[in-house]
Amino acid sequence: MRLSCPCCGLRDRREFTYYGHETFLHRPAPDAGARSWDDYLHNRDNPAGPTRDLWYHDPCGSWVLVSRDTLSHAVTGSEPVAGVGGTS
């Protein structure tokens, strides 16, 4: 699989680290209840079909939101994610 980095262009998937579904970007408030934190940390959907996932490009430090289909493995788009992990 090849993913497009906003800084480096089309790259091999092995240069990226997978961080999960885009809901990873919606962290609960620090005072949210235990159930909210448990869901955020441990309970993940495993969709069959179109999904948007957060990936980190290791060589340049860019965060990328990738649109892809988990059934066909087709990557349909990618976009930079500003402000995640201190990277803009």
PDB file of N, CA and C in Angstrom:
ATOM      1  N   MET A   1       0.857  -1.172   0.000  1.00  0.00           N
ATOM      2  CA  MET A   1       0.000   0.000   0.000  1.00  0.00           C
ATOM      3  C   MET A   1       0.903   1.235   0.000  1.00  0.00           C
ATOM      4  N   ARG A   2       0.487   2.238  -0.752  1.00  0.00           N
ATOM      5  CA  ARG A   2       1.233   3.498  -0.813  1.00  0.00           C
ATOM      6  C   ARG A   2       0.325   4.614  -0.297  1.00  0.00           C
ATOM      7  N   LEU A   3       0.913   5.484   0.534  1.00  0.00           N
ATOM      8  CA  LEU A   3       0.190   6.601   1.124  1.00  0.00           C
ATOM      9  C   LEU A   3       0.853   7.904   0.704  1.00  0.00           C
ATOM     10  N   SER A   4       0.062   8.944   0.603  1.00  0.00           N
ATOM     11  CA  SER A   4       0.590  10.242   0.203  1.00  0.00           C
ATOM     12  C   SER A   4       0.847  11.113   1.429  1.00  0.00           C
ATOM     13  N   CYS A   5       2.095  11.514   1.601  1.00  0.00           N
ATOM     14  CA  CYS A   5       2.489  12.430   2.666  1.00  0.00           C
ATOM     15  C   CYS A   5       2.366  13.856   2.130  1.00  0.00           C
ATOM     16  N   PRO A   6       1.829  14.802   2.900  1.00  0.00           N
ATOM     17  CA  PRO A   6       1.703  16.176   2.418  1.00  0.00           C
ATOM     18  C   PRO A   6       3.052  16.847   2.144  1.00  0.00           C
ATOM     19  N   CYS A   7       4.113  16.354   2.760  1.00  0.00           N
ATOM     20  CA  CYS A   7       5.442  16.942   2.561  1.00  0.00           C
ATOM     21  C   CYS A   7       6.291  16.174   1.550  1.00  0.00           C
ATOM     22  N   CYS A   8       6.163  14.863   1.525  1.00  0.00           N
ATOM     23  CA  CYS A   8       7.079  14.011   0.752  1.00  0.00           C
ATOM     24  C   CYS A   8       6.453  13.370  -0.486  1.00  0.00           C
ATOM     25  N   GLY A   9       5.137  13.448  -0.619  1.00  0.00           N
ATOM     26  CA  GLY A   9       4.480  12.810  -1.754  1.00  0.00           C
ATOM     27  C   GLY A   9       4.170  11.348  -1.486  1.00  0.00           C
ATOM     28  N   LEU A  10       3.971  10.583  -2.539  1.00  0.00           N
ATOM     29  CA  LEU A  10       3.590   9.178  -2.454  1.00  0.00           C
ATOM     30  C   LEU A  10       4.737   8.348  -1.892  1.00  0.00           C
ATOM     31  N   ARG A  11       4.451   7.610  -0.807  1.00  0.00           N
ATOM     32  CA  ARG A  11       5.485   6.824  -0.116  1.00  0.00           C
ATOM     33  C   ARG A  11       4.947   5.434   0.218  1.00  0.00           C
ATOM     34  N   ASP A  12       5.844   4.509   0.494  1.00  0.00           N
ATOM     35  CA  ASP A  12       5.475   3.154   0.893  1.00  0.00           C
ATOM     36  C   ASP A  12       4.889   3.162   2.298  1.00  0.00           C
ATOM     37  N   ARG A  13       3.926   2.322   2.561  1.00  0.00           N
ATOM     38  CA  ARG A  13       3.239   2.240   3.849  1.00  0.00           C
ATOM     39  C   ARG A  13       4.210   1.966   4.996  1.00  0.00           C
ATOM     40  N   ARG A  14       5.320   1.297   4.718  1.00  0.00           N
ATOM     41  CA  ARG A  14       6.275   0.958   5.775  1.00  0.00           C
ATOM     42  C   ARG A  14       6.950   2.178   6.386  1.00  0.00           C
ATOM     43  N   GLU A  15       6.820   3.340   5.751  1.00  0.00           N
ATOM     44  CA  GLU A  15       7.375   4.575   6.311  1.00  0.00           C
ATOM     45  C   GLU A  15       6.421   5.226   7.309  1.00  0.00           C
ATOM     46  N   PHE A  16       5.216   4.684   7.465  1.00  0.00           N
ATOM     47  CA  PHE A  16       4.183   5.276   8.298  1.00  0.00           C
ATOM     48  C   PHE A  16       3.872   4.391   9.500  1.00  0.00           C
ATOM     49  N   THR A  17       3.399   5.022  10.558  1.00  0.00           N
ATOM     50  CA  THR A  17       2.888   4.309  11.726  1.00  0.00           C
ATOM     51  C   THR A  17       1.396   4.570  11.815  1.00  0.00           C
ATOM     52  N   TYR A  18       0.617   3.496  11.933  1.00  0.00           N
ATOM     53  CA  TYR A  18      -0.842   3.580  12.002  1.00  0.00           C
ATOM     54  C   TYR A  18      -1.267   3.940  13.420  1.00  0.00           C
ATOM     55  N   TYR A  19      -2.135   4.932  13.551  1.00  0.00           N
ATOM     56  CA  TYR A  19      -2.605   5.337  14.879  1.00  0.00           C
ATOM     57  C   TYR A  19      -4.083   5.095  15.101  1.00  0.00           C
ATOM     58  N   GLY A  20      -4.805   4.637  14.094  1.00  0.00           N
ATOM     59  CA  GLY A  20      -6.199   4.270  14.301  1.00  0.00           C
ATOM     60  C   GLY A  20      -7.178   5.143  13.554  1.00  0.00           C
ATOM     61  N   HIS A  21      -8.426   4.847  13.800  1.00  0.00           N
ATOM     62  CA  HIS A  21      -9.542   5.543  13.171  1.00  0.00           C
ATOM     63  C   HIS A  21      -9.541   7.021  13.566  1.00  0.00           C
ATOM     64  N   GLU A  22     -10.124   7.864  12.733  1.00  0.00           N
ATOM     65  CA  GLU A  22     -10.101   9.306  12.971  1.00  0.00           C
ATOM     66  C   GLU A  22     -10.693   9.709  14.316  1.00  0.00           C
ATOM     67  N   THR A  23     -11.495   8.849  14.961  1.00  0.00           N
ATOM     68  CA  THR A  23     -12.038   9.188  16.272  1.00  0.00           C
ATOM     69  C   THR A  23     -10.924   9.371  17.297  1.00  0.00           C
ATOM     70  N   PHE A  24      -9.719   8.871  16.973  1.00  0.00           N
ATOM     71  CA  PHE A  24      -8.546   9.072  17.827  1.00  0.00           C
ATOM     72  C   PHE A  24      -8.293  10.562  18.061  1.00  0.00           C
ATOM     73  N   LEU A  25      -8.724  11.398  17.107  1.00  0.00           N
ATOM     74  CA  LEU A  25      -8.519  12.840  17.209  1.00  0.00           C
ATOM     75  C   LEU A  25      -9.443  13.497  18.226  1.00  0.00           C
ATOM     76  N   HIS A  26     -10.477  12.785  18.667  1.00  0.00           N
ATOM     77  CA  HIS A  26     -11.480  13.363  19.562  1.00  0.00           C
ATOM     78  C   HIS A  26     -11.288  12.834  20.986  1.00  0.00           C
ATOM     79  N   ARG A  27     -10.235  13.298  21.617  1.00  0.00           N
ATOM     80  CA  ARG A  27      -9.879  12.868  22.962  1.00  0.00           C
ATOM     81  C   ARG A  27     -10.898  13.395  23.980  1.00  0.00           C
ATOM     82  N   PRO A  28     -11.304  12.572  24.956  1.00  0.00           N
ATOM     83  CA  PRO A  28     -12.236  13.041  25.986  1.00  0.00           C
ATOM     84  C   PRO A  28     -11.614  14.136  26.855  1.00  0.00           C
ATOM     85  N   ALA A  29     -12.447  14.932  27.479  1.00  0.00           N
ATOM     86  CA  ALA A  29     -11.977  15.960  28.404  1.00  0.00           C
ATOM     87  C   ALA A  29     -11.281  15.276  29.586  1.00  0.00           C
ATOM     88  N   PRO A  30     -10.313  15.941  30.204  1.00  0.00           N
ATOM     89  CA  PRO A  30      -9.603  15.323  31.332  1.00  0.00           C
ATOM     90  C   PRO A  30     -10.524  14.846  32.454  1.00  0.00           C
ATOM     91  N   ASP A  31     -11.651  15.520  32.649  1.00  0.00           N
ATOM     92  CA  ASP A  31     -12.564  15.139  33.723  1.00  0.00           C
ATOM     93  C   ASP A  31     -13.707  14.244  33.242  1.00  0.00           C
ATOM     94  N   ALA A  32     -13.594  13.709  32.015  1.00  0.00           N
ATOM     95  CA  ALA A  32     -14.628  12.796  31.507  1.00  0.00           C
ATOM     96  C   ALA A  32     -14.642  11.533  32.362  1.00  0.00           C
ATOM     97  N   GLY A  33     -15.752  10.891  32.393  1.00  0.00           N
ATOM     98  CA  GLY A  33     -15.902   9.690  33.212  1.00  0.00           C
ATOM     99  C   GLY A  33     -15.066   8.518  32.719  1.00  0.00           C
ATOM    100  N   ALA A  34     -14.973   7.503  33.562  1.00  0.00           N
ATOM    101  CA  ALA A  34     -14.179   6.316  33.255  1.00  0.00           C
ATOM    102  C   ALA A  34     -14.665   5.620  31.986  1.00  0.00           C
ATOM    103  N   ARG A  35     -15.972   5.600  31.763  1.00  0.00           N
ATOM    104  CA  ARG A  35     -16.512   4.937  30.566  1.00  0.00           C
ATOM    105  C   ARG A  35     -16.027   5.629  29.288  1.00  0.00           C
ATOM    106  N   SER A  36     -16.008   6.964  29.278  1.00  0.00           N
ATOM    107  CA  SER A  36     -15.529   7.706  28.106  1.00  0.00           C
ATOM    108  C   SER A  36     -14.065   7.394  27.831  1.00  0.00           C
ATOM    109  N   TRP A  37     -13.250   7.357  28.873  1.00  0.00           N
ATOM    110  CA  TRP A  37     -11.828   7.066  28.701  1.00  0.00           C
ATOM    111  C   TRP A  37     -11.605   5.610  28.301  1.00  0.00           C
ATOM    112  N   ASP A  38     -12.380   4.695  28.851  1.00  0.00           N
ATOM    113  CA  ASP A  38     -12.264   3.291  28.467  1.00  0.00           C
ATOM    114  C   ASP A  38     -12.592   3.113  26.984  1.00  0.00           C
ATOM    115  N   ASP A  39     -13.673   3.749  26.532  1.00  0.00           N
ATOM    116  CA  ASP A  39     -14.041   3.674  25.113  1.00  0.00           C
ATOM    117  C   ASP A  39     -12.941   4.255  24.236  1.00  0.00           C
ATOM    118  N   TYR A  40     -12.397   5.385  24.623  1.00  0.00           N
ATOM    119  CA  TYR A  40     -11.363   6.057  23.840  1.00  0.00           C
ATOM    120  C   TYR A  40     -10.089   5.213  23.742  1.00  0.00           C
ATOM    121  N   LEU A  41      -9.688   4.601  24.854  1.00  0.00           N
ATOM    122  CA  LEU A  41      -8.428   3.869  24.892  1.00  0.00           C
ATOM    123  C   LEU A  41      -8.512   2.432  24.391  1.00  0.00           C
ATOM    124  N   HIS A  42      -9.661   1.776  24.589  1.00  0.00           N
ATOM    125  CA  HIS A  42      -9.703   0.329  24.362  1.00  0.00           C
ATOM    126  C   HIS A  42     -10.722  -0.160  23.341  1.00  0.00           C
ATOM    127  N   ASN A  43     -11.796   0.551  23.143  1.00  0.00           N
ATOM    128  CA  ASN A  43     -12.871   0.055  22.286  1.00  0.00           C
ATOM    129  C   ASN A  43     -12.820   0.721  20.923  1.00  0.00           C
ATOM    130  N   ARG A  44     -12.496  -0.056  19.910  1.00  0.00           N
ATOM    131  CA  ARG A  44     -12.348   0.471  18.557  1.00  0.00           C
ATOM    132  C   ARG A  44     -13.327  -0.217  17.613  1.00  0.00           C
ATOM    133  N   ASP A  45     -13.854   0.559  16.676  1.00  0.00           N
ATOM    134  CA  ASP A  45     -14.631  -0.025  15.596  1.00  0.00           C
ATOM    135  C   ASP A  45     -13.666  -0.671  14.617  1.00  0.00           C
ATOM    136  N   ASN A  46     -14.126  -1.682  13.930  1.00  0.00           N
ATOM    137  CA  ASN A  46     -13.338  -2.327  12.887  1.00  0.00           C
ATOM    138  C   ASN A  46     -14.200  -2.346  11.626  1.00  0.00           C
ATOM    139  N   PRO A  47     -14.331  -1.175  10.966  1.00  0.00           N
ATOM    140  CA  PRO A  47     -15.267  -1.071   9.849  1.00  0.00           C
ATOM    141  C   PRO A  47     -14.804  -1.843   8.612  1.00  0.00           C
ATOM    142  N   ALA A  48     -15.768  -2.392   7.902  1.00  0.00           N
ATOM    143  CA  ALA A  48     -15.504  -3.023   6.609  1.00  0.00           C
ATOM    144  C   ALA A  48     -16.009  -2.056   5.552  1.00  0.00           C
ATOM    145  N   GLY A  49     -15.092  -1.495   4.789  1.00  0.00           N
ATOM    146  CA  GLY A  49     -15.464  -0.515   3.772  1.00  0.00           C
ATOM    147  C   GLY A  49     -14.724   0.786   3.989  1.00  0.00           C
ATOM    148  N   PRO A  50     -15.330   1.898   3.554  1.00  0.00           N
ATOM    149  CA  PRO A  50     -14.660   3.208   3.653  1.00  0.00           C
ATOM    150  C   PRO A  50     -14.363   3.610   5.100  1.00  0.00           C
ATOM    151  N   THR A  51     -13.174   4.135   5.314  1.00  0.00           N
ATOM    152  CA  THR A  51     -12.772   4.598   6.637  1.00  0.00           C
ATOM    153  C   THR A  51     -11.777   5.741   6.490  1.00  0.00           C
ATOM    154  N   ARG A  52     -11.572   6.479   7.576  1.00  0.00           N
ATOM    155  CA  ARG A  52     -10.552   7.532   7.624  1.00  0.00           C
ATOM    156  C   ARG A  52      -9.684   7.242   8.834  1.00  0.00           C
ATOM    157  N   ASP A  53      -8.377   7.127   8.601  1.00  0.00           N
ATOM    158  CA  ASP A  53      -7.451   6.715   9.638  1.00  0.00           C
ATOM    159  C   ASP A  53      -6.321   7.723   9.806  1.00  0.00           C
ATOM    160  N   LEU A  54      -5.804   7.792  11.017  1.00  0.00           N
ATOM    161  CA  LEU A  54      -4.685   8.666  11.342  1.00  0.00           C
ATOM    162  C   LEU A  54      -3.378   7.884  11.201  1.00  0.00           C
ATOM    163  N   TRP A  55      -2.446   8.440  10.429  1.00  0.00           N
ATOM    164  CA  TRP A  55      -1.132   7.840  10.200  1.00  0.00           C
ATOM    165  C   TRP A  55      -0.063   8.893  10.483  1.00  0.00           C
ATOM    166  N   TYR A  56       1.097   8.437  10.939  1.00  0.00           N
ATOM    167  CA  TYR A  56       2.239   9.306  11.202  1.00  0.00           C
ATOM    168  C   TYR A  56       3.353   8.926  10.235  1.00  0.00           C
ATOM    169  N   HIS A  57       3.875   9.915   9.484  1.00  0.00           N
ATOM    170  CA  HIS A  57       4.970   9.640   8.558  1.00  0.00           C
ATOM    171  C   HIS A  57       6.277   9.815   9.318  1.00  0.00           C
ATOM    172  N   ASP A  58       6.922   8.711   9.612  1.00  0.00           N
ATOM    173  CA  ASP A  58       8.114   8.702  10.459  1.00  0.00           C
ATOM    174  C   ASP A  58       9.273   9.560   9.936  1.00  0.00           C
ATOM    175  N   PRO A  59       9.630   9.495   8.648  1.00  0.00           N
ATOM    176  CA  PRO A  59      10.801  10.262   8.187  1.00  0.00           C
ATOM    177  C   PRO A  59      10.679  11.774   8.346  1.00  0.00           C
ATOM    178  N   CYS A  60       9.503  12.347   8.123  1.00  0.00           N
ATOM    179  CA  CYS A  60       9.398  13.809   8.176  1.00  0.00           C
ATOM    180  C   CYS A  60       8.569  14.321   9.350  1.00  0.00           C
ATOM    181  N   GLY A  61       7.901  13.420  10.093  1.00  0.00           N
ATOM    182  CA  GLY A  61       7.130  13.834  11.257  1.00  0.00           C
ATOM    183  C   GLY A  61       5.772  14.425  10.946  1.00  0.00           C
ATOM    184  N   SER A  62       5.215  14.122   9.782  1.00  0.00           N
ATOM    185  CA  SER A  62       3.894  14.639   9.410  1.00  0.00           C
ATOM    186  C   SER A  62       2.789  13.691   9.851  1.00  0.00           C
ATOM    187  N   TRP A  63       1.668  14.270  10.282  1.00  0.00           N
ATOM    188  CA  TRP A  63       0.455  13.512  10.583  1.00  0.00           C
ATOM    189  C   TRP A  63      -0.464  13.609   9.372  1.00  0.00           C
ATOM    190  N   VAL A  64      -1.049  12.472   8.982  1.00  0.00           N
ATOM    191  CA  VAL A  64      -1.858  12.406   7.775  1.00  0.00           C
ATOM    192  C   VAL A  64      -3.156  11.670   8.079  1.00  0.00           C
ATOM    193  N   LEU A  65      -4.272  12.235   7.620  1.00  0.00           N
ATOM    194  CA  LEU A  65      -5.569  11.575   7.710  1.00  0.00           C
ATOM    195  C   LEU A  65      -5.830  10.929   6.355  1.00  0.00           C
ATOM    196  N   VAL A  66      -5.878   9.592   6.332  1.00  0.00           N
ATOM    197  CA  VAL A  66      -5.972   8.831   5.085  1.00  0.00           C
ATOM    198  C   VAL A  66      -7.380   8.269   4.922  1.00  0.00           C
ATOM    199  N   SER A  67      -7.972   8.497   3.756  1.00  0.00           N
ATOM    200  CA  SER A  67      -9.253   7.898   3.397  1.00  0.00           C
ATOM    201  C   SER A  67      -8.948   6.650   2.590  1.00  0.00           C
ATOM    202  N   ARG A  68      -9.517   5.519   3.028  1.00  0.00           N
ATOM    203  CA  ARG A  68      -9.243   4.264   2.330  1.00  0.00           C
ATOM    204  C   ARG A  68     -10.401   3.297   2.508  1.00  0.00           C
ATOM    205  N   ASP A  69     -10.404   2.248   1.712  1.00  0.00           N
ATOM    206  CA  ASP A  69     -11.427   1.216   1.787  1.00  0.00           C
ATOM    207  C   ASP A  69     -10.761  -0.049   2.325  1.00  0.00           C
ATOM    208  N   THR A  70     -11.245  -0.537   3.455  1.00  0.00           N
ATOM    209  CA  THR A  70     -10.614  -1.696   4.081  1.00  0.00           C
ATOM    210  C   THR A  70     -10.926  -2.999   3.349  1.00  0.00           C
ATOM    211  N   LEU A  71     -11.928  -3.005   2.479  1.00  0.00           N
ATOM    212  CA  LEU A  71     -12.236  -4.211   1.708  1.00  0.00           C
ATOM    213  C   LEU A  71     -11.381  -4.327   0.451  1.00  0.00           C
ATOM    214  N   SER A  72     -11.230  -3.224  -0.269  1.00  0.00           N
ATOM    215  CA  SER A  72     -10.484  -3.249  -1.525  1.00  0.00           C
ATOM    216  C   SER A  72      -9.029  -2.801  -1.350  1.00  0.00           C
ATOM    217  N   HIS A  73      -8.703  -2.229  -0.208  1.00  0.00           N
ATOM    218  CA  HIS A  73      -7.375  -1.674   0.088  1.00  0.00           C
ATOM    219  C   HIS A  73      -7.055  -0.455  -0.773  1.00  0.00           C
ATOM    220  N   ALA A  74      -8.067   0.136  -1.398  1.00  0.00           N
ATOM    221  CA  ALA A  74      -7.861   1.332  -2.219  1.00  0.00           C
ATOM    222  C   ALA A  74      -7.741   2.558  -1.318  1.00  0.00           C
ATOM    223  N   VAL A  75      -6.689   3.338  -1.544  1.00  0.00           N
ATOM    224  CA  VAL A  75      -6.508   4.605  -0.843  1.00  0.00           C
ATOM    225  C   VAL A  75      -7.147   5.670  -1.731  1.00  0.00           C
ATOM    226  N   THR A  76      -8.146   6.381  -1.190  1.00  0.00           N
ATOM    227  CA  THR A  76      -8.897   7.345  -1.995  1.00  0.00           C
ATOM    228  C   THR A  76      -8.524   8.793  -1.718  1.00  0.00           C
ATOM    229  N   GLY A  77      -7.684   9.036  -0.727  1.00  0.00           N
ATOM    230  CA  GLY A  77      -7.258  10.403  -0.452  1.00  0.00           C
ATOM    231  C   GLY A  77      -6.482  10.505   0.838  1.00  0.00           C
ATOM    232  N   SER A  78      -5.848  11.651   1.016  1.00  0.00           N
ATOM    233  CA  SER A  78      -5.137  11.937   2.259  1.00  0.00           C
ATOM    234  C   SER A  78      -5.069  13.441   2.444  1.00  0.00           C
ATOM    235  N   GLU A  79      -4.957  13.859   3.695  1.00  0.00           N
ATOM    236  CA  GLU A  79      -4.868  15.282   4.006  1.00  0.00           C
ATOM    237  C   GLU A  79      -4.010  15.464   5.249  1.00  0.00           C
ATOM    238  N   PRO A  80      -3.305  16.583   5.326  1.00  0.00           N
ATOM    239  CA  PRO A  80      -2.480  16.832   6.520  1.00  0.00           C
ATOM    240  C   PRO A  80      -3.365  17.117   7.725  1.00  0.00           C
ATOM    241  N   VAL A  81      -2.859  16.752   8.889  1.00  0.00           N
ATOM    242  CA  VAL A  81      -3.554  17.034  10.146  1.00  0.00           C
ATOM    243  C   VAL A  81      -2.676  17.984  10.927  1.00  0.00           C
ATOM    244  N   ALA A  82      -3.157  19.187  11.167  1.00  0.00           N
ATOM    245  CA  ALA A  82      -2.392  20.206  11.887  1.00  0.00           C
ATOM    246  C   ALA A  82      -2.591  20.069  13.389  1.00  0.00           C
ATOM    247  N   GLY A  83      -1.524  20.271  14.120  1.00  0.00           N
ATOM    248  CA  GLY A  83      -1.612  20.367  15.573  1.00  0.00           C
ATOM    249  C   GLY A  83      -1.626  19.060  16.331  1.00  0.00           C
ATOM    250  N   VAL A  84      -1.539  17.907  15.689  1.00  0.00           N
ATOM    251  CA  VAL A  84      -1.524  16.647  16.402  1.00  0.00           C
ATOM    252  C   VAL A  84      -0.102  16.365  16.828  1.00  0.00           C
ATOM    253  N   GLY A  85       0.090  16.118  18.103  1.00  0.00           N
ATOM    254  CA  GLY A  85       1.413  15.781  18.610  1.00  0.00           C
ATOM    255  C   GLY A  85       2.413  16.927  18.506  1.00  0.00           C
ATOM    256  N   GLY A  86       1.912  18.159  18.410  1.00  0.00           N
ATOM    257  CA  GLY A  86       2.794  19.306  18.373  1.00  0.00           C
ATOM    258  C   GLY A  86       3.285  19.647  16.978  1.00  0.00           C
ATOM    259  N   THR A  87       2.882  18.894  15.960  1.00  0.00           N
ATOM    260  CA  THR A  87       3.288  19.155  14.582  1.00  0.00           C
ATOM    261  C   THR A  87       2.198  19.954  13.896  1.00  0.00           C
ATOM    262  N   SER A  88       2.570  20.974  13.151  1.00  0.00           N
ATOM    263  CA  SER A  88       1.555  21.750  12.445  1.00  0.00           C
ATOM    264  C   SER A  88       1.726  21.628  10.956  1.00  0.00           C
TER     265      SER A  88
END
